[in-house]
Amino acid sequence: MIINKYYNWYHSIIGRAKLENRKKGLIFYESHHIIPASMGGTNSKDNLVLLTPKEHCTCHHLLTRFTTGSNKSKMNHAFWGMINSWGREKNTIKITNRVYAKFKETIANQISINNTGKSYPHSIETKKKQSESKMGAKNPNFGKSPNKGVKRPGIGGVKKGSKWSDETHLSIAIQRSSESYKNTMQTLVYKNETRNKKISDSQRGRVGTSLGKVWYNDGINEFYADTVPVGLIAGRLPGLNKSKLGLCWFNNGTINKQFKLGTELEGYSRGRISKK
């Protein structure tokens, strides 16, 4: 702390409030920690004082003017919290535009500095809880049709602005389950050489999202990340990818495929060819 005029003003307000021997009753008071709890202050009677809302606000403002280092950062956040609660709880207290603007910029800078270069990955337990919280009926889209009630764009002879109905969804589902539709999609989309070449060319030379990542495990589960956390083991668990065991790469001069030795198709030779 810095012993300056703000420090003296702060303790002047605290001292006057203590001399008045205030008690909660007809006059509304708020309990204030003389040494803030975030700075090591306790809940003992010696460290608590009753202040009016205006005095409480002023004291928190003063705390930002004579604290230093991490304590100053804590006091800035505490005062910023008070500023943003006034509209809901203390609408009789006013704050100037200058003070509000100053602290908004201060808090923004502190958050930027604190978060620079940091990442906050979720733990396995947190990810599991998030997944379970959206399963089945807990999912807000559970049982809902993705397009039901949505206006249609008017493509394919459908009147623009008409809405998807249950009958339309049912007819589309029946159509897409038919063998003729599947064969048509295989021919027009999945086996379309022009389309496939366009996708291949668009991906050539791109850096994949797995670049630099490594496998590690905790003896039970495998994970994939940029670094191996302390206490875990680098590498994969043996035997988890049984479908890949024994597979080798082969190519026919154009396409790479994996086969088990002795089961490769005619025209394929051992090894891979680069497409990049």
C-alpha atoms as a PDB file:
ATOM      1  CA  MET A   1       0.000   0.000   0.000  1.00  0.00           C
ATOM      2  CA  ILE A   2       0.959   3.613  -0.526  1.00  0.00           C
ATOM      3  CA  ILE A   3       0.414   6.053   2.348  1.00  0.00           C
ATOM      4  CA  ASN A   4      -1.075   8.965   0.414  1.00  0.00           C
ATOM      5  CA  LYS A   5      -4.065  11.290   0.678  1.00  0.00           C
ATOM      6  CA  TYR A   6      -6.418   8.554  -0.583  1.00  0.00           C
ATOM      7  CA  TYR A   7      -5.198   6.250   2.200  1.00  0.00           C
ATOM      8  CA  ASN A   8      -5.907   8.998   4.744  1.00  0.00           C
ATOM      9  CA  TRP A   9      -9.359   9.755   3.302  1.00  0.00           C
ATOM     10  CA  TYR A  10     -10.196   6.040   3.408  1.00  0.00           C
ATOM     11  CA  HIS A  11      -9.311   5.678   7.094  1.00  0.00           C
ATOM     12  CA  SER A  12     -11.027   8.958   7.897  1.00  0.00           C
ATOM     13  CA  ILE A  13     -14.342   7.530   6.618  1.00  0.00           C
ATOM     14  CA  ILE A  14     -13.734   4.239   8.461  1.00  0.00           C
ATOM     15  CA  GLY A  15     -12.829   6.029  11.703  1.00  0.00           C
ATOM     16  CA  ARG A  16     -15.890   8.292  11.632  1.00  0.00           C
ATOM     17  CA  ALA A  17     -18.187   5.293  11.018  1.00  0.00           C
ATOM     18  CA  LYS A  18     -16.669   3.393  13.976  1.00  0.00           C
ATOM     19  CA  LEU A  19     -17.037   6.372  16.335  1.00  0.00           C
ATOM     20  CA  GLU A  20     -20.764   6.569  15.551  1.00  0.00           C
ATOM     21  CA  ASN A  21     -21.192   2.983  16.807  1.00  0.00           C
ATOM     22  CA  ARG A  22     -23.616   2.240  13.999  1.00  0.00           C
ATOM     23  CA  LYS A  23     -26.214  -0.543  14.061  1.00  0.00           C
ATOM     24  CA  LYS A  24     -28.414  -1.900  11.302  1.00  0.00           C
ATOM     25  CA  GLY A  25     -32.016  -0.765  11.643  1.00  0.00           C
ATOM     26  CA  LEU A  26     -33.866   2.312  10.392  1.00  0.00           C
ATOM     27  CA  ILE A  27     -30.821   3.491   8.417  1.00  0.00           C
ATOM     28  CA  PHE A  28     -29.602   1.175   5.673  1.00  0.00           C
ATOM     29  CA  TYR A  29     -25.956   0.192   6.119  1.00  0.00           C
ATOM     30  CA  GLU A  30     -23.661  -2.217   4.288  1.00  0.00           C
ATOM     31  CA  SER A  31     -20.946  -4.282   5.948  1.00  0.00           C
ATOM     32  CA  HIS A  32     -17.458  -3.470   4.678  1.00  0.00           C
ATOM     33  CA  HIS A  33     -14.123  -5.251   5.245  1.00  0.00           C
ATOM     34  CA  ILE A  34     -11.569  -2.636   6.315  1.00  0.00           C
ATOM     35  CA  ILE A  35      -8.809  -4.898   4.998  1.00  0.00           C
ATOM     36  CA  PRO A  36     -10.501  -6.596   2.006  1.00  0.00           C
ATOM     37  CA  ALA A  37     -10.932 -10.367   2.211  1.00  0.00           C
ATOM     38  CA  SER A  38      -9.017 -10.778  -1.074  1.00  0.00           C
ATOM     39  CA  MET A  39      -6.046  -9.063   0.624  1.00  0.00           C
ATOM     40  CA  GLY A  40      -6.106 -11.347   3.661  1.00  0.00           C
ATOM     41  CA  GLY A  41      -8.748  -9.562   5.728  1.00  0.00           C
ATOM     42  CA  THR A  42     -10.828 -11.649   8.145  1.00  0.00           C
ATOM     43  CA  ASN A  43     -14.505 -11.592   9.161  1.00  0.00           C
ATOM     44  CA  SER A  44     -13.659 -10.524  12.720  1.00  0.00           C
ATOM     45  CA  LYS A  45     -15.536  -7.599  14.258  1.00  0.00           C
ATOM     46  CA  ASP A  46     -12.350  -5.517  14.315  1.00  0.00           C
ATOM     47  CA  ASN A  47     -12.143  -5.769  10.504  1.00  0.00           C
ATOM     48  CA  LEU A  48     -15.809  -4.968   9.784  1.00  0.00           C
ATOM     49  CA  VAL A  49     -17.544  -1.600   9.720  1.00  0.00           C
ATOM     50  CA  LEU A  50     -21.039  -0.450   8.723  1.00  0.00           C
ATOM     51  CA  LEU A  51     -21.102   2.105   5.898  1.00  0.00           C
ATOM     52  CA  THR A  52     -23.809   3.831   3.904  1.00  0.00           C
ATOM     53  CA  PRO A  53     -23.997   2.740   0.241  1.00  0.00           C
ATOM     54  CA  LYS A  54     -22.351   6.019  -0.795  1.00  0.00           C
ATOM     55  CA  GLU A  55     -19.526   5.613   1.752  1.00  0.00           C
ATOM     56  CA  HIS A  56     -19.091   1.969   0.725  1.00  0.00           C
ATOM     57  CA  CYS A  57     -18.732   2.960  -2.917  1.00  0.00           C
ATOM     58  CA  THR A  58     -16.312   5.784  -2.080  1.00  0.00           C
ATOM     59  CA  CYS A  59     -14.139   3.466   0.032  1.00  0.00           C
ATOM     60  CA  HIS A  60     -13.846   0.915  -2.758  1.00  0.00           C
ATOM     61  CA  HIS A  61     -12.927   3.704  -5.140  1.00  0.00           C
ATOM     62  CA  LEU A  62     -10.259   4.937  -2.719  1.00  0.00           C
ATOM     63  CA  LEU A  63      -8.862   1.405  -2.332  1.00  0.00           C
ATOM     64  CA  THR A  64      -7.943   1.468  -6.030  1.00  0.00           C
ATOM     65  CA  ARG A  65      -5.884   4.626  -5.442  1.00  0.00           C
ATOM     66  CA  PHE A  66      -3.478   3.487  -2.719  1.00  0.00           C
ATOM     67  CA  THR A  67      -3.055  -0.264  -3.358  1.00  0.00           C
ATOM     68  CA  THR A  68      -0.314  -1.641  -5.602  1.00  0.00           C
ATOM     69  CA  GLY A  69       0.524  -4.736  -7.654  1.00  0.00           C
ATOM     70  CA  SER A  70      -1.898  -7.653  -7.612  1.00  0.00           C
ATOM     71  CA  ASN A  71      -3.872  -6.007  -4.787  1.00  0.00           C
ATOM     72  CA  LYS A  72      -4.584  -3.029  -7.015  1.00  0.00           C
ATOM     73  CA  SER A  73      -5.841  -5.393  -9.713  1.00  0.00           C
ATOM     74  CA  LYS A  74      -8.183  -7.055  -7.184  1.00  0.00           C
ATOM     75  CA  MET A  75      -9.496  -3.701  -5.984  1.00  0.00           C
ATOM     76  CA  ASN A  76     -10.075  -2.540  -9.561  1.00  0.00           C
ATOM     77  CA  HIS A  77     -12.210  -5.632 -10.217  1.00  0.00           C
ATOM     78  CA  ALA A  78     -14.109  -5.175  -6.930  1.00  0.00           C
ATOM     79  CA  PHE A  79     -14.911  -1.545  -7.713  1.00  0.00           C
ATOM     80  CA  TRP A  80     -15.863  -2.434 -11.304  1.00  0.00           C
ATOM     81  CA  GLY A  81     -18.281  -5.030  -9.916  1.00  0.00           C
ATOM     82  CA  MET A  82     -19.890  -2.380  -7.720  1.00  0.00           C
ATOM     83  CA  ILE A  83     -20.205   0.028 -10.627  1.00  0.00           C
ATOM     84  CA  ASN A  84     -22.071  -2.533 -12.713  1.00  0.00           C
ATOM     85  CA  SER A  85     -24.422  -3.545  -9.902  1.00  0.00           C
ATOM     86  CA  TRP A  86     -25.705  -0.037  -9.196  1.00  0.00           C
ATOM     87  CA  GLY A  87     -28.312  -0.042 -11.916  1.00  0.00           C
ATOM     88  CA  ARG A  88     -29.924  -3.139 -10.385  1.00  0.00           C
ATOM     89  CA  GLU A  89     -29.370  -2.592  -6.664  1.00  0.00           C
ATOM     90  CA  LYS A  90     -28.259   0.966  -5.867  1.00  0.00           C
ATOM     91  CA  ASN A  91     -30.029   3.235  -8.324  1.00  0.00           C
ATOM     92  CA  THR A  92     -29.688   6.201  -5.938  1.00  0.00           C
ATOM     93  CA  ILE A  93     -25.896   6.293  -6.456  1.00  0.00           C
ATOM     94  CA  LYS A  94     -24.498   8.186  -9.428  1.00  0.00           C
ATOM     95  CA  ILE A  95     -21.145   7.802 -11.127  1.00  0.00           C
ATOM     96  CA  THR A  96     -19.514  10.184 -13.556  1.00  0.00           C
ATOM     97  CA  ASN A  97     -18.812   9.249 -17.152  1.00  0.00           C
ATOM     98  CA  ARG A  98     -15.120   9.919 -16.583  1.00  0.00           C
ATOM     99  CA  VAL A  99     -14.841   7.406 -13.728  1.00  0.00           C
ATOM    100  CA  TYR A 100     -16.833   4.746 -15.604  1.00  0.00           C
ATOM    101  CA  ALA A 101     -14.799   5.162 -18.795  1.00  0.00           C
ATOM    102  CA  LYS A 102     -11.510   5.059 -16.900  1.00  0.00           C
ATOM    103  CA  PHE A 103     -12.330   1.822 -15.080  1.00  0.00           C
ATOM    104  CA  LYS A 104     -13.788   0.141 -18.142  1.00  0.00           C
ATOM    105  CA  GLU A 105     -10.488   0.737 -19.952  1.00  0.00           C
ATOM    106  CA  THR A 106      -8.485  -0.349 -16.880  1.00  0.00           C
ATOM    107  CA  ILE A 107     -10.380  -3.643 -16.512  1.00  0.00           C
ATOM    108  CA  ALA A 108     -10.134  -4.362 -20.252  1.00  0.00           C
ATOM    109  CA  ASN A 109      -6.352  -3.877 -20.140  1.00  0.00           C
ATOM    110  CA  GLN A 110      -5.999  -6.077 -17.043  1.00  0.00           C
ATOM    111  CA  ILE A 111      -8.009  -8.905 -18.607  1.00  0.00           C
ATOM    112  CA  SER A 112      -5.940  -8.665 -21.796  1.00  0.00           C
ATOM    113  CA  ILE A 113      -2.649  -8.806 -19.863  1.00  0.00           C
ATOM    114  CA  ASN A 114      -3.828 -11.676 -17.644  1.00  0.00           C
ATOM    115  CA  ASN A 115      -5.019 -13.795 -20.587  1.00  0.00           C
ATOM    116  CA  THR A 116      -2.146 -13.165 -22.994  1.00  0.00           C
ATOM    117  CA  GLY A 117      -0.412 -16.439 -23.832  1.00  0.00           C
ATOM    118  CA  LYS A 118      -2.702 -18.503 -21.605  1.00  0.00           C
ATOM    119  CA  SER A 119      -5.063 -21.312 -22.505  1.00  0.00           C
ATOM    120  CA  TYR A 120      -7.700 -22.920 -20.339  1.00  0.00           C
ATOM    121  CA  PRO A 121      -8.275 -26.503 -21.574  1.00  0.00           C
ATOM    122  CA  HIS A 122     -11.203 -28.380 -20.115  1.00  0.00           C
ATOM    123  CA  SER A 123     -10.482 -31.455 -18.035  1.00  0.00           C
ATOM    124  CA  ILE A 124     -11.761 -34.875 -19.076  1.00  0.00           C
ATOM    125  CA  GLU A 125     -14.317 -34.722 -16.248  1.00  0.00           C
ATOM    126  CA  THR A 126     -15.598 -31.315 -17.394  1.00  0.00           C
ATOM    127  CA  LYS A 127     -15.931 -32.467 -21.004  1.00  0.00           C
ATOM    128  CA  LYS A 128     -17.839 -35.536 -19.841  1.00  0.00           C
ATOM    129  CA  LYS A 129     -20.231 -33.405 -17.763  1.00  0.00           C
ATOM    130  CA  GLN A 130     -20.792 -31.037 -20.709  1.00  0.00           C
ATOM    131  CA  SER A 131     -21.535 -33.984 -22.983  1.00  0.00           C
ATOM    132  CA  GLU A 132     -23.948 -35.596 -20.522  1.00  0.00           C
ATOM    133  CA  SER A 133     -25.749 -32.286 -19.961  1.00  0.00           C
ATOM    134  CA  LYS A 134     -26.762 -32.244 -23.652  1.00  0.00           C
ATOM    135  CA  MET A 135     -27.701 -35.911 -24.106  1.00  0.00           C
ATOM    136  CA  GLY A 136     -31.204 -37.051 -25.027  1.00  0.00           C
ATOM    137  CA  ALA A 137     -34.079 -34.939 -23.781  1.00  0.00           C
ATOM    138  CA  LYS A 138     -31.622 -32.498 -22.142  1.00  0.00           C
ATOM    139  CA  ASN A 139     -30.649 -31.271 -25.617  1.00  0.00           C
ATOM    140  CA  PRO A 140     -32.774 -28.203 -26.536  1.00  0.00           C
ATOM    141  CA  ASN A 141     -33.129 -29.611 -30.080  1.00  0.00           C
ATOM    142  CA  PHE A 142     -34.212 -33.090 -28.914  1.00  0.00           C
ATOM    143  CA  GLY A 143     -37.116 -34.355 -31.003  1.00  0.00           C
ATOM    144  CA  LYS A 144     -37.242 -31.200 -33.117  1.00  0.00           C
ATOM    145  CA  SER A 145     -37.121 -31.179 -36.882  1.00  0.00           C
ATOM    146  CA  PRO A 146     -34.244 -28.966 -38.087  1.00  0.00           C
ATOM    147  CA  ASN A 147     -36.357 -27.205 -40.722  1.00  0.00           C
ATOM    148  CA  LYS A 148     -39.901 -27.495 -39.383  1.00  0.00           C
ATOM    149  CA  GLY A 149     -41.672 -24.155 -39.592  1.00  0.00           C
ATOM    150  CA  VAL A 150     -38.721 -22.510 -41.388  1.00  0.00           C
ATOM    151  CA  LYS A 151     -39.464 -20.578 -44.553  1.00  0.00           C
ATOM    152  CA  ARG A 152     -38.143 -22.261 -47.686  1.00  0.00           C
ATOM    153  CA  PRO A 153     -35.974 -20.391 -50.203  1.00  0.00           C
ATOM    154  CA  GLY A 154     -38.124 -21.276 -53.210  1.00  0.00           C
ATOM    155  CA  ILE A 155     -35.660 -23.649 -54.891  1.00  0.00           C
ATOM    156  CA  GLY A 156     -36.798 -26.583 -57.056  1.00  0.00           C
ATOM    157  CA  GLY A 157     -40.233 -25.280 -57.947  1.00  0.00           C
ATOM    158  CA  VAL A 158     -41.310 -24.796 -54.326  1.00  0.00           C
ATOM    159  CA  LYS A 159     -43.078 -21.522 -53.658  1.00  0.00           C
ATOM    160  CA  LYS A 160     -40.801 -19.060 -51.877  1.00  0.00           C
ATOM    161  CA  GLY A 161     -41.823 -18.492 -48.264  1.00  0.00           C
ATOM    162  CA  SER A 162     -43.677 -21.790 -47.860  1.00  0.00           C
ATOM    163  CA  LYS A 163     -42.769 -23.732 -44.725  1.00  0.00           C
ATOM    164  CA  TRP A 164     -41.430 -27.231 -44.138  1.00  0.00           C
ATOM    165  CA  SER A 165     -44.208 -29.539 -42.989  1.00  0.00           C
ATOM    166  CA  ASP A 166     -44.228 -32.999 -41.383  1.00  0.00           C
ATOM    167  CA  GLU A 167     -45.403 -34.488 -44.683  1.00  0.00           C
ATOM    168  CA  THR A 168     -42.477 -32.879 -46.537  1.00  0.00           C
ATOM    169  CA  HIS A 169     -39.969 -34.224 -44.010  1.00  0.00           C
ATOM    170  CA  LEU A 170     -41.498 -37.714 -44.240  1.00  0.00           C
ATOM    171  CA  SER A 171     -41.404 -37.757 -48.042  1.00  0.00           C
ATOM    172  CA  ILE A 172     -37.757 -36.605 -48.044  1.00  0.00           C
ATOM    173  CA  ALA A 173     -36.816 -39.292 -45.495  1.00  0.00           C
ATOM    174  CA  ILE A 174     -38.507 -42.012 -47.609  1.00  0.00           C
ATOM    175  CA  GLN A 175     -36.820 -40.750 -50.764  1.00  0.00           C
ATOM    176  CA  ARG A 176     -33.345 -40.696 -49.192  1.00  0.00           C
ATOM    177  CA  SER A 177     -33.741 -44.209 -47.804  1.00  0.00           C
ATOM    178  CA  SER A 178     -34.374 -45.689 -51.253  1.00  0.00           C
ATOM    179  CA  GLU A 179     -31.671 -47.644 -53.081  1.00  0.00           C
ATOM    180  CA  SER A 180     -32.091 -45.561 -56.242  1.00  0.00           C
ATOM    181  CA  TYR A 181     -31.357 -42.379 -54.308  1.00  0.00           C
ATOM    182  CA  LYS A 182     -28.266 -43.905 -52.685  1.00  0.00           C
ATOM    183  CA  ASN A 183     -26.962 -45.134 -56.057  1.00  0.00           C
ATOM    184  CA  THR A 184     -27.598 -41.717 -57.605  1.00  0.00           C
ATOM    185  CA  MET A 185     -25.696 -39.988 -54.793  1.00  0.00           C
ATOM    186  CA  GLN A 186     -22.802 -42.439 -55.173  1.00  0.00           C
ATOM    187  CA  THR A 187     -22.583 -41.663 -58.892  1.00  0.00           C
ATOM    188  CA  LEU A 188     -23.156 -37.895 -58.781  1.00  0.00           C
ATOM    189  CA  VAL A 189     -21.286 -37.050 -55.588  1.00  0.00           C
ATOM    190  CA  TYR A 190     -19.028 -39.600 -53.950  1.00  0.00           C
ATOM    191  CA  LYS A 191     -17.640 -41.138 -57.167  1.00  0.00           C
ATOM    192  CA  ASN A 192     -17.532 -37.883 -59.094  1.00  0.00           C
ATOM    193  CA  GLU A 193     -13.882 -37.569 -60.174  1.00  0.00           C
ATOM    194  CA  THR A 194     -14.150 -33.853 -60.935  1.00  0.00           C
ATOM    195  CA  ARG A 195     -15.551 -33.161 -57.472  1.00  0.00           C
ATOM    196  CA  ASN A 196     -13.019 -35.381 -55.744  1.00  0.00           C
ATOM    197  CA  LYS A 197     -10.108 -33.780 -57.617  1.00  0.00           C
ATOM    198  CA  LYS A 198     -11.367 -30.309 -56.693  1.00  0.00           C
ATOM    199  CA  ILE A 199     -11.476 -31.292 -52.999  1.00  0.00           C
ATOM    200  CA  SER A 200      -8.023 -32.893 -53.240  1.00  0.00           C
ATOM    201  CA  ASP A 201      -6.512 -29.806 -54.914  1.00  0.00           C
ATOM    202  CA  SER A 202      -8.055 -27.486 -52.313  1.00  0.00           C
ATOM    203  CA  GLN A 203      -6.433 -29.475 -49.495  1.00  0.00           C
ATOM    204  CA  ARG A 204      -3.015 -29.951 -51.093  1.00  0.00           C
ATOM    205  CA  GLY A 205      -0.236 -28.238 -49.165  1.00  0.00           C
ATOM    206  CA  ARG A 206      -2.463 -27.223 -46.247  1.00  0.00           C
ATOM    207  CA  VAL A 207      -1.161 -27.655 -42.724  1.00  0.00           C
ATOM    208  CA  GLY A 208      -3.350 -30.094 -40.831  1.00  0.00           C
ATOM    209  CA  THR A 209      -4.830 -29.415 -37.394  1.00  0.00           C
ATOM    210  CA  SER A 210      -2.801 -32.321 -35.996  1.00  0.00           C
ATOM    211  CA  LEU A 211       0.557 -30.793 -36.899  1.00  0.00           C
ATOM    212  CA  GLY A 212       2.828 -30.875 -33.842  1.00  0.00           C
ATOM    213  CA  LYS A 213       0.345 -32.801 -31.702  1.00  0.00           C
ATOM    214  CA  VAL A 214       1.305 -35.973 -29.858  1.00  0.00           C
ATOM    215  CA  TRP A 215      -0.485 -38.949 -28.374  1.00  0.00           C
ATOM    216  CA  TYR A 216      -0.353 -39.538 -24.634  1.00  0.00           C
ATOM    217  CA  ASN A 217      -2.245 -41.701 -22.159  1.00  0.00           C
ATOM    218  CA  ASP A 218      -3.021 -42.123 -18.471  1.00  0.00           C
ATOM    219  CA  GLY A 219      -2.869 -45.919 -18.584  1.00  0.00           C
ATOM    220  CA  ILE A 220      -6.592 -46.206 -19.344  1.00  0.00           C
ATOM    221  CA  ASN A 221      -7.514 -43.593 -21.956  1.00  0.00           C
ATOM    222  CA  GLU A 222      -5.689 -41.965 -24.859  1.00  0.00           C
ATOM    223  CA  PHE A 223      -5.560 -38.245 -25.606  1.00  0.00           C
ATOM    224  CA  TYR A 224      -4.214 -36.052 -28.412  1.00  0.00           C
ATOM    225  CA  ALA A 225      -2.720 -32.615 -27.696  1.00  0.00           C
ATOM    226  CA  ASP A 226       0.168 -30.236 -28.330  1.00  0.00           C
ATOM    227  CA  THR A 227       2.056 -31.256 -25.207  1.00  0.00           C
ATOM    228  CA  VAL A 228       2.149 -34.159 -22.779  1.00  0.00           C
ATOM    229  CA  PRO A 229       0.829 -33.048 -19.351  1.00  0.00           C
ATOM    230  CA  VAL A 230       2.998 -33.714 -16.330  1.00  0.00           C
ATOM    231  CA  GLY A 231       2.345 -37.145 -14.858  1.00  0.00           C
ATOM    232  CA  LEU A 232       1.018 -38.727 -18.064  1.00  0.00           C
ATOM    233  CA  ILE A 233       2.806 -41.012 -20.507  1.00  0.00           C
ATOM    234  CA  ALA A 234       3.743 -40.153 -24.075  1.00  0.00           C
ATOM    235  CA  GLY A 235       2.491 -42.602 -26.696  1.00  0.00           C
ATOM    236  CA  ARG A 236      -0.613 -44.669 -27.350  1.00  0.00           C
ATOM    237  CA  LEU A 237      -2.024 -47.620 -25.461  1.00  0.00           C
ATOM    238  CA  PRO A 238      -1.356 -50.966 -27.131  1.00  0.00           C
ATOM    239  CA  GLY A 239      -4.268 -52.909 -28.569  1.00  0.00           C
ATOM    240  CA  LEU A 240      -6.907 -50.126 -28.646  1.00  0.00           C
ATOM    241  CA  ASN A 241      -6.891 -49.785 -32.441  1.00  0.00           C
ATOM    242  CA  LYS A 242      -7.469 -53.445 -33.232  1.00  0.00           C
ATOM    243  CA  SER A 243      -9.096 -52.643 -36.576  1.00  0.00           C
ATOM    244  CA  LYS A 244      -5.761 -51.197 -37.767  1.00  0.00           C
ATOM    245  CA  LEU A 245      -3.552 -54.051 -36.569  1.00  0.00           C
ATOM    246  CA  GLY A 246      -1.697 -55.751 -39.409  1.00  0.00           C
ATOM    247  CA  LEU A 247      -2.689 -53.202 -42.041  1.00  0.00           C
ATOM    248  CA  CYS A 248      -0.078 -51.996 -44.531  1.00  0.00           C
ATOM    249  CA  TRP A 249      -0.157 -49.261 -47.143  1.00  0.00           C
ATOM    250  CA  PHE A 250      -0.477 -50.140 -50.854  1.00  0.00           C
ATOM    251  CA  ASN A 251      -1.039 -48.094 -53.978  1.00  0.00           C
ATOM    252  CA  ASN A 252      -2.027 -48.607 -57.622  1.00  0.00           C
ATOM    253  CA  GLY A 253      -0.120 -45.583 -58.877  1.00  0.00           C
ATOM    254  CA  THR A 254      -3.022 -43.221 -58.153  1.00  0.00           C
ATOM    255  CA  ILE A 255      -4.738 -44.244 -54.936  1.00  0.00           C
ATOM    256  CA  ASN A 256      -3.380 -45.212 -51.513  1.00  0.00           C
ATOM    257  CA  LYS A 257      -5.213 -47.962 -49.610  1.00  0.00           C
ATOM    258  CA  GLN A 258      -4.585 -50.154 -46.593  1.00  0.00           C
ATOM    259  CA  PHE A 259      -4.763 -53.964 -46.738  1.00  0.00           C
ATOM    260  CA  LYS A 260      -3.490 -56.834 -44.668  1.00  0.00           C
ATOM    261  CA  LEU A 261      -0.573 -58.594 -46.283  1.00  0.00           C
ATOM    262  CA  GLY A 262      -1.843 -61.110 -48.826  1.00  0.00           C
ATOM    263  CA  THR A 263      -5.279 -59.513 -49.156  1.00  0.00           C
ATOM    264  CA  GLU A 264      -4.332 -56.556 -51.367  1.00  0.00           C
ATOM    265  CA  LEU A 265      -6.255 -56.063 -54.623  1.00  0.00           C
ATOM    266  CA  GLU A 266      -4.731 -56.819 -57.983  1.00  0.00           C
ATOM    267  CA  GLY A 267      -2.670 -53.967 -59.353  1.00  0.00           C
ATOM    268  CA  TYR A 268      -1.643 -52.662 -55.939  1.00  0.00           C
ATOM    269  CA  SER A 269       1.973 -52.615 -54.787  1.00  0.00           C
ATOM    270  CA  ARG A 270       3.454 -52.072 -51.342  1.00  0.00           C
ATOM    271  CA  GLY A 271       4.047 -48.457 -50.223  1.00  0.00           C
ATOM    272  CA  ARG A 272       2.387 -45.063 -50.458  1.00  0.00           C
ATOM    273  CA  ILE A 273       2.512 -42.335 -53.077  1.00  0.00           C
ATOM    274  CA  SER A 274       2.533 -38.654 -52.130  1.00  0.00           C
ATOM    275  CA  LYS A 275      -0.374 -36.537 -53.331  1.00  0.00           C
ATOM    276  CA  LYS A 276       1.263 -33.261 -52.304  1.00  0.00           C
END
